[in-house]
Protein backbone atom coordinates (compact mmCIF):
# COMPACT_ATOMS: atom_id res chain seq x y z
CA UNK A 1 143.36 122.10 78.46
CA UNK A 2 143.44 121.69 74.69
CA UNK A 3 146.65 123.73 74.47
CA UNK A 4 148.33 121.57 77.11
CA UNK A 5 147.36 118.36 75.30
CA UNK A 6 148.66 119.77 72.02
CA UNK A 7 151.93 120.61 73.76
CA UNK A 8 152.26 117.05 75.08
CA UNK A 9 151.49 115.61 71.61
CA UNK A 10 154.16 117.89 70.12
CA UNK A 11 156.64 116.67 72.73
CA UNK A 12 155.87 113.07 71.77
CA UNK A 13 156.16 113.85 68.06
CA UNK A 14 159.53 115.59 68.59
CA UNK A 15 160.82 112.69 70.70
CA UNK A 16 161.15 114.74 73.89
CA UNK A 17 159.01 112.15 75.72
CA UNK A 18 157.97 108.64 74.70
CA UNK A 19 154.38 107.71 73.86
CA UNK A 20 153.72 106.07 77.23
CA UNK A 21 154.92 109.11 79.19
CA UNK A 22 152.87 111.34 76.88
CA UNK A 23 149.76 109.28 77.64
CA UNK A 24 150.44 109.60 81.37
CA UNK A 25 150.84 113.38 81.09
CA UNK A 26 147.60 113.71 79.15
CA UNK A 27 145.78 111.53 81.69
CA UNK A 28 147.06 113.76 84.49
CA UNK A 29 145.80 116.83 82.63
CA UNK A 30 142.37 115.25 82.15
CA UNK A 31 142.13 114.19 85.79
CA UNK A 32 143.27 117.62 86.94
CA UNK A 33 140.54 119.25 84.86
CA UNK A 34 137.94 116.85 86.30
CA UNK A 35 139.19 117.55 89.83
CA UNK A 36 140.08 113.93 90.59
CA UNK A 37 143.24 112.80 92.29
CA UNK A 38 145.92 111.03 90.33
CA UNK A 39 147.23 107.70 91.56
CA UNK A 40 150.98 107.81 92.07
CA UNK A 41 152.93 105.93 89.42
CA UNK A 42 155.12 104.57 92.24
CA UNK A 43 152.15 102.72 93.70
CA UNK A 44 151.58 99.41 91.91
CA UNK A 45 148.03 98.81 90.77
CA UNK A 46 146.39 95.61 91.98
CA UNK A 47 144.38 95.19 88.80
CA UNK A 48 145.19 96.10 85.24
CA UNK A 49 142.55 98.35 83.77
CA UNK A 50 141.53 98.34 80.14
CA UNK A 51 143.25 101.70 79.64
CA UNK A 52 146.59 100.07 80.55
CA UNK A 53 146.43 97.85 77.47
CA UNK A 54 148.22 98.40 74.17
CA UNK A 55 146.98 98.85 70.61
CA UNK A 56 149.26 96.88 68.31
CA UNK A 57 149.35 97.53 64.59
CA UNK A 58 151.15 95.04 62.38
CA UNK A 59 151.70 95.32 58.64
CA UNK A 60 153.54 92.49 56.91
CA UNK A 61 154.38 93.06 53.27
CA UNK A 62 155.52 90.49 50.74
CA UNK A 63 158.20 93.05 49.80
CA UNK A 64 159.44 93.23 53.42
CA UNK A 65 158.00 96.71 54.04
CA UNK A 66 156.93 95.67 57.53
CA UNK A 67 155.54 97.91 60.26
CA UNK A 68 155.14 97.21 63.99
CA UNK A 69 153.53 99.90 66.15
CA UNK A 70 152.65 99.58 69.84
CA UNK A 71 150.65 102.40 71.41
CA UNK A 72 149.15 102.66 74.90
CA UNK A 73 145.34 102.70 74.69
CA UNK A 74 145.30 105.90 76.78
CA UNK A 75 147.35 107.69 74.14
CA UNK A 76 145.36 106.24 71.23
CA UNK A 77 142.06 107.41 72.69
CA UNK A 78 143.35 110.91 73.40
CA UNK A 79 144.93 111.32 69.97
CA UNK A 80 141.94 109.96 68.07
CA UNK A 81 139.47 111.95 70.17
CA UNK A 82 141.50 115.17 69.85
CA UNK A 83 141.66 115.10 66.08
CA UNK A 84 141.52 111.81 64.21
CA UNK A 85 141.40 113.48 60.82
CA UNK A 86 144.75 115.29 61.10
CA UNK A 87 146.68 112.61 59.20
CA UNK A 88 144.18 112.63 56.34
CA UNK A 89 144.91 116.32 55.80
CA UNK A 90 148.68 115.86 55.50
CA UNK A 91 149.53 115.16 51.86
CA UNK A 92 152.38 112.76 52.70
CA UNK A 93 150.18 110.54 54.86
CA UNK A 94 146.79 110.92 53.19
CA UNK A 95 147.23 107.88 50.95
CA UNK A 96 148.06 105.67 53.93
CA UNK A 97 145.16 106.62 56.19
CA UNK A 98 142.31 107.15 53.73
CA UNK A 99 140.97 103.59 54.13
CA UNK A 100 141.35 103.31 57.92
CA UNK A 101 138.05 103.41 59.78
CA UNK A 102 139.07 105.50 62.79
CA UNK A 103 135.52 105.47 64.17
CA UNK A 104 135.68 101.68 64.40
CA UNK A 105 138.85 101.88 66.50
CA UNK A 106 137.31 104.53 68.80
CA UNK A 107 134.20 102.39 69.19
CA UNK A 108 136.36 99.38 70.07
CA UNK A 109 138.09 101.41 72.79
CA UNK A 110 134.82 102.79 74.16
CA UNK A 111 133.38 99.26 74.36
CA UNK A 112 136.64 97.93 75.85
CA UNK A 113 137.06 95.48 72.99
CA UNK A 114 139.97 93.16 73.50
CA UNK A 115 141.81 91.02 71.00
CA UNK A 116 141.95 91.34 67.22
CA UNK A 117 139.79 94.09 65.73
CA UNK A 118 141.20 94.23 62.19
CA UNK A 119 142.61 91.41 60.08
CA UNK A 120 143.17 92.10 56.37
CA UNK A 121 144.94 89.82 53.90
CA UNK A 122 145.45 91.02 50.36
CA UNK A 123 145.59 88.86 47.24
CA UNK A 124 149.36 89.39 46.98
CA UNK A 125 149.98 88.20 50.55
CA UNK A 126 150.23 91.50 52.44
CA UNK A 127 148.57 91.49 55.87
CA UNK A 128 147.39 94.19 58.25
CA UNK A 129 146.22 93.47 61.78
CA UNK A 130 145.18 95.67 64.68
CA UNK A 131 145.02 94.04 68.11
CA UNK A 132 144.30 95.35 71.61
CA UNK A 133 146.20 93.42 74.29
């Protein structure tokens, strides 16, 4: 199954499928491996589960270097569980991820934490927030 998940992640990275579709494909792979049936995406769910929520990352810089990222929780959990240290090994991204506590985010997902989980304000006015909604 690891190869199939890697293939889906590559498809997301290359833009062949969007992040939400990638998360659905990975969920199907996991359920197939566990031998459970997959609920049809055409059938509306009566209740929204925690795994249907979104992790939102917001960076607001005083120099207008702003970032807005929205990721389905399903995809976040799979990516972080599959290899959360990949970005720290890539020289171009190492400086940006070295201070992120990935384990804290995984723990928040496992405990179904909702709302704001990170709120950082620097002395020069830059802000970083991570929210699950």
